[in-house]
Amino acid sequence: AVNVPAAATVIAALFGAALLGMIGALIAVPAAAAVQLISREVFLPR
């Protein structure tokens, strides 16, 4: 669905819940997908 590896999905959900509770868990996987996209499109080409 969001092209985020399985381990990153689980880790992102755990970190999001630990940091921001339910709101953090809701935004954790999209945030991980955004970080992955930015690193692939911005940092790797540089």
PDB file of all heavy atoms in Angstrom:
ATOM      1  N   ALA A   1       0.819  -1.216   0.000  1.00  0.00           N
ATOM      2  CA  ALA A   1       0.000   0.000   0.000  1.00  0.00           C
ATOM      3  C   ALA A   1       0.854   1.268   0.000  1.00  0.00           C
ATOM      4  O   ALA A   1       0.562   2.212  -0.732  1.00  0.00           O
ATOM      5  CB  ALA A   1      -0.950   0.012   1.187  1.00  0.00           C
ATOM      6  N   VAL A   2       1.883   1.318   0.827  1.00  0.00           N
ATOM      7  CA  VAL A   2       2.692   2.540   0.924  1.00  0.00           C
ATOM      8  C   VAL A   2       4.157   2.300   0.599  1.00  0.00           C
ATOM      9  O   VAL A   2       4.972   3.196   0.748  1.00  0.00           O
ATOM     10  CB  VAL A   2       2.570   3.187   2.332  1.00  0.00           C
ATOM     11  CG1 VAL A   2       1.189   3.728   2.551  1.00  0.00           C
ATOM     12  CG2 VAL A   2       2.974   2.241   3.421  1.00  0.00           C
ATOM     13  N   ASN A   3       4.495   1.089   0.161  1.00  0.00           N
ATOM     14  CA  ASN A   3       5.854   0.744  -0.239  1.00  0.00           C
ATOM     15  C   ASN A   3       6.861   0.988   0.880  1.00  0.00           C
ATOM     16  O   ASN A   3       7.926   1.539   0.674  1.00  0.00           O
ATOM     17  CB  ASN A   3       6.251   1.507  -1.512  1.00  0.00           C
ATOM     18  CG  ASN A   3       7.413   0.858  -2.209  1.00  0.00           C
ATOM     19  OD1 ASN A   3       7.708  -0.315  -1.975  1.00  0.00           O
ATOM     20  ND2 ASN A   3       8.095   1.609  -3.062  1.00  0.00           N
ATOM     21  N   VAL A   4       6.484   0.598   2.096  1.00  0.00           N
ATOM     22  CA  VAL A   4       7.368   0.674   3.252  1.00  0.00           C
ATOM     23  C   VAL A   4       7.677  -0.760   3.673  1.00  0.00           C
ATOM     24  O   VAL A   4       6.760  -1.560   3.818  1.00  0.00           O
ATOM     25  CB  VAL A   4       6.702   1.442   4.419  1.00  0.00           C
ATOM     26  CG1 VAL A   4       7.562   1.424   5.661  1.00  0.00           C
ATOM     27  CG2 VAL A   4       6.417   2.865   3.999  1.00  0.00           C
ATOM     28  N   PRO A   5       8.951  -1.105   3.859  1.00  0.00           N
ATOM     29  CA  PRO A   5       9.290  -2.470   4.253  1.00  0.00           C
ATOM     30  C   PRO A   5       8.595  -2.891   5.552  1.00  0.00           C
ATOM     31  O   PRO A   5       8.268  -2.055   6.401  1.00  0.00           O
ATOM     32  CB  PRO A   5      10.809  -2.430   4.441  1.00  0.00           C
ATOM     33  CG  PRO A   5      11.260  -1.260   3.647  1.00  0.00           C
ATOM     34  CD  PRO A   5      10.130  -0.274   3.661  1.00  0.00           C
ATOM     35  N   ALA A   6       8.410  -4.193   5.712  1.00  0.00           N
ATOM     36  CA  ALA A   6       7.680  -4.726   6.859  1.00  0.00           C
ATOM     37  C   ALA A   6       8.309  -4.305   8.190  1.00  0.00           C
ATOM     38  O   ALA A   6       7.607  -3.890   9.113  1.00  0.00           O
ATOM     39  CB  ALA A   6       7.602  -6.249   6.768  1.00  0.00           C
ATOM     40  N   ALA A   7       9.613  -4.410   8.290  1.00  0.00           N
ATOM     41  CA  ALA A   7      10.278  -4.038   9.537  1.00  0.00           C
ATOM     42  C   ALA A   7      10.079  -2.553   9.838  1.00  0.00           C
ATOM     43  O   ALA A   7       9.841  -2.164  10.988  1.00  0.00           O
ATOM     44  CB  ALA A   7      11.760  -4.370   9.476  1.00  0.00           C
ATOM     45  N   ALA A   8      10.153  -1.728   8.819  1.00  0.00           N
ATOM     46  CA  ALA A   8       9.956  -0.287   9.014  1.00  0.00           C
ATOM     47  C   ALA A   8       8.528   0.015   9.445  1.00  0.00           C
ATOM     48  O   ALA A   8       8.292   0.924  10.244  1.00  0.00           O
ATOM     49  CB  ALA A   8      10.298   0.475   7.741  1.00  0.00           C
ATOM     50  N   THR A   9       7.565  -0.745   8.943  1.00  0.00           N
ATOM     51  CA  THR A   9       6.171  -0.559   9.339  1.00  0.00           C
ATOM     52  C   THR A   9       5.990  -0.818  10.826  1.00  0.00           C
ATOM     53  O   THR A   9       5.394  -0.015  11.545  1.00  0.00           O
ATOM     54  CB  THR A   9       5.253  -1.509   8.532  1.00  0.00           C
ATOM     55  OG1 THR A   9       5.400  -1.221   7.156  1.00  0.00           O
ATOM     56  CG2 THR A   9       3.812  -1.357   8.928  1.00  0.00           C
ATOM     57  N   VAL A  10       6.517  -1.945  11.293  1.00  0.00           N
ATOM     58  CA  VAL A  10       6.371  -2.308  12.706  1.00  0.00           C
ATOM     59  C   VAL A  10       7.119  -1.320  13.587  1.00  0.00           C
ATOM     60  O   VAL A  10       6.590  -0.828  14.591  1.00  0.00           O
ATOM     61  CB  VAL A  10       6.864  -3.753  12.946  1.00  0.00           C
ATOM     62  CG1 VAL A  10       6.884  -4.090  14.420  1.00  0.00           C
ATOM     63  CG2 VAL A  10       5.993  -4.741  12.184  1.00  0.00           C
ATOM     64  N   ILE A  11       8.349  -0.989  13.208  1.00  0.00           N
ATOM     65  CA  ILE A  11       9.156  -0.070  14.015  1.00  0.00           C
ATOM     66  C   ILE A  11       8.538   1.324  14.039  1.00  0.00           C
ATOM     67  O   ILE A  11       8.465   1.970  15.090  1.00  0.00           O
ATOM     68  CB  ILE A  11      10.611  -0.033  13.496  1.00  0.00           C
ATOM     69  CG1 ILE A  11      11.279  -1.380  13.776  1.00  0.00           C
ATOM     70  CG2 ILE A  11      11.401   1.094  14.141  1.00  0.00           C
ATOM     71  CD1 ILE A  11      12.610  -1.568  13.087  1.00  0.00           C
ATOM     72  N   ALA A  12       8.053   1.789  12.892  1.00  0.00           N
ATOM     73  CA  ALA A  12       7.429   3.114  12.840  1.00  0.00           C
ATOM     74  C   ALA A  12       6.189   3.172  13.715  1.00  0.00           C
ATOM     75  O   ALA A  12       5.970   4.147  14.438  1.00  0.00           O
ATOM     76  CB  ALA A  12       7.078   3.480  11.398  1.00  0.00           C
ATOM     77  N   ALA A  13       5.369   2.130  13.667  1.00  0.00           N
ATOM     78  CA  ALA A  13       4.163   2.112  14.500  1.00  0.00           C
ATOM     79  C   ALA A  13       4.521   2.112  15.981  1.00  0.00           C
ATOM     80  O   ALA A  13       3.887   2.803  16.786  1.00  0.00           O
ATOM     81  CB  ALA A  13       3.305   0.897  14.159  1.00  0.00           C
ATOM     82  N   LEU A  14       5.541   1.353  16.370  1.00  0.00           N
ATOM     83  CA  LEU A  14       5.955   1.325  17.776  1.00  0.00           C
ATOM     84  C   LEU A  14       6.508   2.673  18.223  1.00  0.00           C
ATOM     85  O   LEU A  14       6.159   3.170  19.297  1.00  0.00           O
ATOM     86  CB  LEU A  14       6.984   0.216  17.999  1.00  0.00           C
ATOM     87  CG  LEU A  14       6.469  -1.206  17.874  1.00  0.00           C
ATOM     88  CD1 LEU A  14       7.614  -2.207  17.972  1.00  0.00           C
ATOM     89  CD2 LEU A  14       5.425  -1.496  18.935  1.00  0.00           C
ATOM     90  N   PHE A  15       7.376   3.276  17.412  1.00  0.00           N
ATOM     91  CA  PHE A  15       7.926   4.585  17.766  1.00  0.00           C
ATOM     92  C   PHE A  15       6.850   5.651  17.796  1.00  0.00           C
ATOM     93  O   PHE A  15       6.806   6.490  18.697  1.00  0.00           O
ATOM     94  CB  PHE A  15       9.040   5.004  16.795  1.00  0.00           C
ATOM     95  CG  PHE A  15      10.382   4.458  17.149  1.00  0.00           C
ATOM     96  CD1 PHE A  15      11.122   3.773  16.198  1.00  0.00           C
ATOM     97  CD2 PHE A  15      10.911   4.609  18.413  1.00  0.00           C
ATOM     98  CE1 PHE A  15      12.369   3.261  16.514  1.00  0.00           C
ATOM     99  CE2 PHE A  15      12.152   4.107  18.741  1.00  0.00           C
ATOM    100  CZ  PHE A  15      12.890   3.419  17.786  1.00  0.00           C
ATOM    101  N   GLY A  16       5.976   5.643  16.810  1.00  0.00           N
ATOM    102  CA  GLY A  16       4.900   6.628  16.771  1.00  0.00           C
ATOM    103  C   GLY A  16       4.003   6.536  17.983  1.00  0.00           C
ATOM    104  O   GLY A  16       3.637   7.552  18.586  1.00  0.00           O
ATOM    105  N   ALA A  17       3.655   5.313  18.379  1.00  0.00           N
ATOM    106  CA  ALA A  17       2.804   5.133  19.556  1.00  0.00           C
ATOM    107  C   ALA A  17       3.527   5.535  20.828  1.00  0.00           C
ATOM    108  O   ALA A  17       2.933   6.131  21.734  1.00  0.00           O
ATOM    109  CB  ALA A  17       2.342   3.685  19.645  1.00  0.00           C
ATOM    110  N   ALA A  18       4.817   5.217  20.906  1.00  0.00           N
ATOM    111  CA  ALA A  18       5.579   5.565  22.101  1.00  0.00           C
ATOM    112  C   ALA A  18       5.749   7.081  22.241  1.00  0.00           C
ATOM    113  O   ALA A  18       5.687   7.624  23.342  1.00  0.00           O
ATOM    114  CB  ALA A  18       6.950   4.891  22.076  1.00  0.00           C
ATOM    115  N   LEU A  19       5.946   7.770  21.122  1.00  0.00           N
ATOM    116  CA  LEU A  19       6.189   9.204  21.179  1.00  0.00           C
ATOM    117  C   LEU A  19       4.910  10.031  21.309  1.00  0.00           C
ATOM    118  O   LEU A  19       4.859  10.968  22.099  1.00  0.00           O
ATOM    119  CB  LEU A  19       6.956   9.659  19.936  1.00  0.00           C
ATOM    120  CG  LEU A  19       8.384   9.139  19.810  1.00  0.00           C
ATOM    121  CD1 LEU A  19       8.972   9.549  18.466  1.00  0.00           C
ATOM    122  CD2 LEU A  19       9.246   9.651  20.952  1.00  0.00           C
ATOM    123  N   LEU A  20       3.882   9.681  20.530  1.00  0.00           N
ATOM    124  CA  LEU A  20       2.694  10.534  20.478  1.00  0.00           C
ATOM    125  C   LEU A  20       1.391   9.786  20.762  1.00  0.00           C
ATOM    126  O   LEU A  20       0.314  10.306  20.467  1.00  0.00           O
ATOM    127  CB  LEU A  20       2.597  11.216  19.110  1.00  0.00           C
ATOM    128  CG  LEU A  20       3.753  12.144  18.732  1.00  0.00           C
ATOM    129  CD1 LEU A  20       3.623  12.597  17.297  1.00  0.00           C
ATOM    130  CD2 LEU A  20       3.805  13.337  19.672  1.00  0.00           C
ATOM    131  N   GLY A  21       1.475   8.583  21.252  1.00  0.00           N
ATOM    132  CA  GLY A  21       0.262   7.832  21.568  1.00  0.00           C
ATOM    133  C   GLY A  21      -0.502   7.436  20.321  1.00  0.00           C
ATOM    134  O   GLY A  21       0.081   7.075  19.302  1.00  0.00           O
ATOM    135  N   MET A  22      -1.827   7.523  20.399  1.00  0.00           N
ATOM    136  CA  MET A  22      -2.669   7.077  19.297  1.00  0.00           C
ATOM    137  C   MET A  22      -2.450   7.926  18.042  1.00  0.00           C
ATOM    138  O   MET A  22      -2.422   7.396  16.932  1.00  0.00           O
ATOM    139  CB  MET A  22      -4.138   7.114  19.689  1.00  0.00           C
ATOM    140  CG  MET A  22      -5.011   6.545  18.617  1.00  0.00           C
ATOM    141  SD  MET A  22      -6.551   5.823  19.091  1.00  0.00           S
ATOM    142  CE  MET A  22      -6.345   5.172  20.667  1.00  0.00           C
ATOM    143  N   ILE A  23      -2.277   9.214  18.195  1.00  0.00           N
ATOM    144  CA  ILE A  23      -2.033  10.086  17.039  1.00  0.00           C
ATOM    145  C   ILE A  23      -0.715   9.692  16.368  1.00  0.00           C
ATOM    146  O   ILE A  23      -0.623   9.637  15.143  1.00  0.00           O
ATOM    147  CB  ILE A  23      -2.006  11.570  17.463  1.00  0.00           C
ATOM    148  CG1 ILE A  23      -3.339  11.982  18.083  1.00  0.00           C
ATOM    149  CG2 ILE A  23      -1.638  12.462  16.299  1.00  0.00           C
ATOM    150  CD1 ILE A  23      -4.514  11.892  17.141  1.00  0.00           C
ATOM    151  N   GLY A  24       0.297   9.409  17.168  1.00  0.00           N
ATOM    152  CA  GLY A  24       1.576   8.979  16.618  1.00  0.00           C
ATOM    153  C   GLY A  24       1.471   7.678  15.858  1.00  0.00           C
ATOM    154  O   GLY A  24       2.096   7.501  14.811  1.00  0.00           O
ATOM    155  N   ALA A  25       0.667   6.743  16.369  1.00  0.00           N
ATOM    156  CA  ALA A  25       0.468   5.473  15.676  1.00  0.00           C
ATOM    157  C   ALA A  25      -0.258   5.686  14.349  1.00  0.00           C
ATOM    158  O   ALA A  25       0.013   4.997  13.371  1.00  0.00           O
ATOM    159  CB  ALA A  25      -0.306   4.507  16.560  1.00  0.00           C
ATOM    160  N   LEU A  26      -1.178   6.642  14.325  1.00  0.00           N
ATOM    161  CA  LEU A  26      -1.914   6.925  13.088  1.00  0.00           C
ATOM    162  C   LEU A  26      -1.013   7.487  11.995  1.00  0.00           C
ATOM    163  O   LEU A  26      -1.174   7.169  10.825  1.00  0.00           O
ATOM    164  CB  LEU A  26      -3.047   7.914  13.357  1.00  0.00           C
ATOM    165  CG  LEU A  26      -4.299   7.363  14.006  1.00  0.00           C
ATOM    166  CD1 LEU A  26      -5.215   8.504  14.423  1.00  0.00           C
ATOM    167  CD2 LEU A  26      -5.020   6.430  13.069  1.00  0.00           C
ATOM    168  N   ILE A  27      -0.073   8.338  12.380  1.00  0.00           N
ATOM    169  CA  ILE A  27       0.752   9.001  11.368  1.00  0.00           C
ATOM    170  C   ILE A  27       2.113   8.347  11.173  1.00  0.00           C
ATOM    171  O   ILE A  27       2.886   8.791  10.326  1.00  0.00           O
ATOM    172  CB  ILE A  27       0.939  10.499  11.703  1.00  0.00           C
ATOM    173  CG1 ILE A  27       1.676  10.685  13.026  1.00  0.00           C
ATOM    174  CG2 ILE A  27      -0.382  11.223  11.695  1.00  0.00           C
ATOM    175  CD1 ILE A  27       2.064  12.114  13.318  1.00  0.00           C
ATOM    176  N   ALA A  28       2.398   7.289  11.895  1.00  0.00           N
ATOM    177  CA  ALA A  28       3.733   6.691  11.858  1.00  0.00           C
ATOM    178  C   ALA A  28       4.081   6.102  10.499  1.00  0.00           C
ATOM    179  O   ALA A  28       5.161   6.372   9.955  1.00  0.00           O
ATOM    180  CB  ALA A  28       3.858   5.622  12.942  1.00  0.00           C
ATOM    181  N   VAL A  29       3.215   5.281   9.936  1.00  0.00           N
ATOM    182  CA  VAL A  29       3.542   4.627   8.668  1.00  0.00           C
ATOM    183  C   VAL A  29       3.595   5.634   7.514  1.00  0.00           C
ATOM    184  O   VAL A  29       4.546   5.593   6.721  1.00  0.00           O
ATOM    185  CB  VAL A  29       2.577   3.459   8.386  1.00  0.00           C
ATOM    186  CG1 VAL A  29       2.849   2.845   7.027  1.00  0.00           C
ATOM    187  CG2 VAL A  29       2.698   2.402   9.474  1.00  0.00           C
ATOM    188  N   PRO A  30       2.638   6.571   7.405  1.00  0.00           N
ATOM    189  CA  PRO A  30       2.810   7.588   6.354  1.00  0.00           C
ATOM    190  C   PRO A  30       4.077   8.418   6.546  1.00  0.00           C
ATOM    191  O   PRO A  30       4.729   8.795   5.563  1.00  0.00           O
ATOM    192  CB  PRO A  30       1.555   8.456   6.492  1.00  0.00           C
ATOM    193  CG  PRO A  30       0.545   7.579   7.112  1.00  0.00           C
ATOM    194  CD  PRO A  30       1.318   6.677   8.025  1.00  0.00           C
ATOM    195  N   ALA A  31       4.446   8.690   7.799  1.00  0.00           N
ATOM    196  CA  ALA A  31       5.681   9.438   8.044  1.00  0.00           C
ATOM    197  C   ALA A  31       6.894   8.625   7.614  1.00  0.00           C
ATOM    198  O   ALA A  31       7.834   9.165   7.017  1.00  0.00           O
ATOM    199  CB  ALA A  31       5.779   9.815   9.519  1.00  0.00           C
ATOM    200  N   ALA A  32       6.884   7.333   7.887  1.00  0.00           N
ATOM    201  CA  ALA A  32       7.991   6.476   7.451  1.00  0.00           C
ATOM    202  C   ALA A  32       8.066   6.434   5.931  1.00  0.00           C
ATOM    203  O   ALA A  32       9.160   6.444   5.349  1.00  0.00           O
ATOM    204  CB  ALA A  32       7.823   5.072   8.016  1.00  0.00           C
ATOM    205  N   ALA A  33       6.922   6.382   5.272  1.00  0.00           N
ATOM    206  CA  ALA A  33       6.903   6.399   3.809  1.00  0.00           C
ATOM    207  C   ALA A  33       7.458   7.724   3.284  1.00  0.00           C
ATOM    208  O   ALA A  33       8.202   7.750   2.295  1.00  0.00           O
ATOM    209  CB  ALA A  33       5.480   6.178   3.293  1.00  0.00           C
ATOM    210  N   ALA A  34       7.123   8.833   3.949  1.00  0.00           N
ATOM    211  CA  ALA A  34       7.621  10.148   3.530  1.00  0.00           C
ATOM    212  C   ALA A  34       9.138  10.233   3.702  1.00  0.00           C
ATOM    213  O   ALA A  34       9.843  10.740   2.817  1.00  0.00           O
ATOM    214  CB  ALA A  34       6.934  11.249   4.324  1.00  0.00           C
ATOM    215  N   VAL A  35       9.642   9.735   4.812  1.00  0.00           N
ATOM    216  CA  VAL A  35      11.094   9.749   5.047  1.00  0.00           C
ATOM    217  C   VAL A  35      11.799   8.899   3.998  1.00  0.00           C
ATOM    218  O   VAL A  35      12.836   9.292   3.447  1.00  0.00           O
ATOM    219  CB  VAL A  35      11.412   9.258   6.477  1.00  0.00           C
ATOM    220  CG1 VAL A  35      12.893   8.975   6.651  1.00  0.00           C
ATOM    221  CG2 VAL A  35      10.941  10.269   7.495  1.00  0.00           C
ATOM    222  N   GLN A  36      11.221   7.747   3.700  1.00  0.00           N
ATOM    223  CA  GLN A  36      11.812   6.874   2.682  1.00  0.00           C
ATOM    224  C   GLN A  36      11.808   7.553   1.312  1.00  0.00           C
ATOM    225  O   GLN A  36      12.799   7.501   0.587  1.00  0.00           O
ATOM    226  CB  GLN A  36      11.048   5.564   2.625  1.00  0.00           C
ATOM    227  CG  GLN A  36      11.602   4.581   1.623  1.00  0.00           C
ATOM    228  CD  GLN A  36      10.794   3.306   1.562  1.00  0.00           C
ATOM    229  OE1 GLN A  36       9.829   3.123   2.283  1.00  0.00           O
ATOM    230  NE2 GLN A  36      11.190   2.404   0.686  1.00  0.00           N
ATOM    231  N   LEU A  37      10.717   8.209   0.975  1.00  0.00           N
ATOM    232  CA  LEU A  37      10.611   8.891  -0.314  1.00  0.00           C
ATOM    233  C   LEU A  37      11.609  10.046  -0.411  1.00  0.00           C
ATOM    234  O   LEU A  37      12.298  10.207  -1.415  1.00  0.00           O
ATOM    235  CB  LEU A  37       9.195   9.407  -0.533  1.00  0.00           C
ATOM    236  CG  LEU A  37       8.943  10.175  -1.819  1.00  0.00           C
ATOM    237  CD1 LEU A  37       9.089   9.256  -3.019  1.00  0.00           C
ATOM    238  CD2 LEU A  37       7.585  10.815  -1.796  1.00  0.00           C
ATOM    239  N   ILE A  38      11.712  10.843   0.642  1.00  0.00           N
ATOM    240  CA  ILE A  38      12.646  11.980   0.640  1.00  0.00           C
ATOM    241  C   ILE A  38      14.078  11.490   0.527  1.00  0.00           C
ATOM    242  O   ILE A  38      14.877  12.042  -0.243  1.00  0.00           O
ATOM    243  CB  ILE A  38      12.437  12.855   1.893  1.00  0.00           C
ATOM    244  CG1 ILE A  38      11.103  13.593   1.794  1.00  0.00           C
ATOM    245  CG2 ILE A  38      13.591  13.833   2.073  1.00  0.00           C
ATOM    246  CD1 ILE A  38      10.683  14.278   3.076  1.00  0.00           C
ATOM    247  N   SER A  39      14.416  10.452   1.272  1.00  0.00           N
ATOM    248  CA  SER A  39      15.797   9.952   1.201  1.00  0.00           C
ATOM    249  C   SER A  39      16.102   9.383  -0.177  1.00  0.00           C
ATOM    250  O   SER A  39      17.207   9.561  -0.694  1.00  0.00           O
ATOM    251  CB  SER A  39      16.049   8.909   2.286  1.00  0.00           C
ATOM    252  OG  SER A  39      15.274   7.751   2.057  1.00  0.00           O
ATOM    253  N   ARG A  40      15.133   8.733  -0.797  1.00  0.00           N
ATOM    254  CA  ARG A  40      15.362   8.145  -2.120  1.00  0.00           C
ATOM    255  C   ARG A  40      15.440   9.218  -3.218  1.00  0.00           C
ATOM    256  O   ARG A  40      16.238   9.123  -4.128  1.00  0.00           O
ATOM    257  CB  ARG A  40      14.252   7.139  -2.424  1.00  0.00           C
ATOM    258  CG  ARG A  40      14.459   6.386  -3.725  1.00  0.00           C
ATOM    259  CD  ARG A  40      13.431   5.299  -3.977  1.00  0.00           C
ATOM    260  NE  ARG A  40      12.082   5.842  -3.953  1.00  0.00           N
ATOM    261  CZ  ARG A  40      11.095   5.325  -3.229  1.00  0.00           C
ATOM    262  NH1 ARG A  40      11.306   4.273  -2.465  1.00  0.00           N
ATOM    263  NH2 ARG A  40       9.888   5.855  -3.253  1.00  0.00           N
ATOM    264  N   GLU A  41      14.622  10.254  -3.106  1.00  0.00           N
ATOM    265  CA  GLU A  41      14.544  11.258  -4.168  1.00  0.00           C
ATOM    266  C   GLU A  41      15.483  12.445  -3.973  1.00  0.00           C
ATOM    267  O   GLU A  41      15.836  13.106  -4.938  1.00  0.00           O
ATOM    268  CB  GLU A  41      13.099  11.771  -4.291  1.00  0.00           C
ATOM    269  CG  GLU A  41      12.093  10.710  -4.676  1.00  0.00           C
ATOM    270  CD  GLU A  41      12.341  10.122  -6.050  1.00  0.00           C
ATOM    271  OE1 GLU A  41      12.785  10.861  -6.958  1.00  0.00           O
ATOM    272  OE2 GLU A  41      12.103   8.909  -6.218  1.00  0.00           O
ATOM    273  N   VAL A  42      15.885  12.742  -2.730  1.00  0.00           N
ATOM    274  CA  VAL A  42      16.708  13.912  -2.477  1.00  0.00           C
ATOM    275  C   VAL A  42      18.133  13.527  -2.087  1.00  0.00           C
ATOM    276  O   VAL A  42      19.100  13.968  -2.715  1.00  0.00           O
ATOM    277  CB  VAL A  42      16.072  14.808  -1.377  1.00  0.00           C
ATOM    278  CG1 VAL A  42      16.996  15.968  -1.038  1.00  0.00           C
ATOM    279  CG2 VAL A  42      14.719  15.313  -1.830  1.00  0.00           C
ATOM    280  N   PHE A  43      18.282  12.718  -1.055  1.00  0.00           N
ATOM    281  CA  PHE A  43      19.619  12.441  -0.525  1.00  0.00           C
ATOM    282  C   PHE A  43      20.434  11.514  -1.411  1.00  0.00           C
ATOM    283  O   PHE A  43      21.608  11.757  -1.638  1.00  0.00           O
ATOM    284  CB  PHE A  43      19.516  11.882   0.898  1.00  0.00           C
ATOM    285  CG  PHE A  43      18.951  12.860   1.876  1.00  0.00           C
ATOM    286  CD1 PHE A  43      17.835  12.536   2.630  1.00  0.00           C
ATOM    287  CD2 PHE A  43      19.513  14.102   2.045  1.00  0.00           C
ATOM    288  CE1 PHE A  43      17.295  13.436   3.530  1.00  0.00           C
ATOM    289  CE2 PHE A  43      18.981  15.014   2.936  1.00  0.00           C
ATOM    290  CZ  PHE A  43      17.864  14.682   3.682  1.00  0.00           C
ATOM    291  N   LEU A  44      19.827  10.469  -1.950  1.00  0.00           N
ATOM    292  CA  LEU A  44      20.574   9.548  -2.803  1.00  0.00           C
ATOM    293  C   LEU A  44      21.047  10.209  -4.101  1.00  0.00           C
ATOM    294  O   LEU A  44      22.205  10.015  -4.486  1.00  0.00           O
ATOM    295  CB  LEU A  44      19.777   8.284  -3.078  1.00  0.00           C
ATOM    296  CG  LEU A  44      19.552   7.368  -1.866  1.00  0.00           C
ATOM    297  CD1 LEU A  44      18.730   6.158  -2.252  1.00  0.00           C
ATOM    298  CD2 LEU A  44      20.885   6.942  -1.270  1.00  0.00           C
ATOM    299  N   PRO A  45      20.229  11.002  -4.780  1.00  0.00           N
ATOM    300  CA  PRO A  45      20.757  11.694  -5.980  1.00  0.00           C
ATOM    301  C   PRO A  45      21.897  12.663  -5.656  1.00  0.00           C
ATOM    302  O   PRO A  45      22.828  12.797  -6.450  1.00  0.00           O
ATOM    303  CB  PRO A  45      19.532  12.442  -6.531  1.00  0.00           C
ATOM    304  CG  PRO A  45      18.375  11.625  -6.080  1.00  0.00           C
ATOM    305  CD  PRO A  45      18.787  11.129  -4.724  1.00  0.00           C
ATOM    306  N   ARG A  46      21.841  13.303  -4.509  1.00  0.00           N
ATOM    307  CA  ARG A  46      22.929  14.227  -4.125  1.00  0.00           C
ATOM    308  C   ARG A  46      24.218  13.446  -3.878  1.00  0.00           C
ATOM    309  O   ARG A  46      25.293  13.913  -4.225  1.00  0.00           O
ATOM    310  CB  ARG A  46      22.551  15.004  -2.871  1.00  0.00           C
ATOM    311  CG  ARG A  46      21.599  16.113  -3.125  1.00  0.00           C
ATOM    312  CD  ARG A  46      21.399  16.930  -1.879  1.00  0.00           C
ATOM    313  NE  ARG A  46      20.411  17.969  -2.116  1.00  0.00           N
ATOM    314  CZ  ARG A  46      19.962  18.778  -1.181  1.00  0.00           C
ATOM    315  NH1 ARG A  46      20.400  18.676   0.056  1.00  0.00           N
ATOM    316  NH2 ARG A  46      19.074  19.707  -1.487  1.00  0.00           N
TER     317      ARG A  46
END
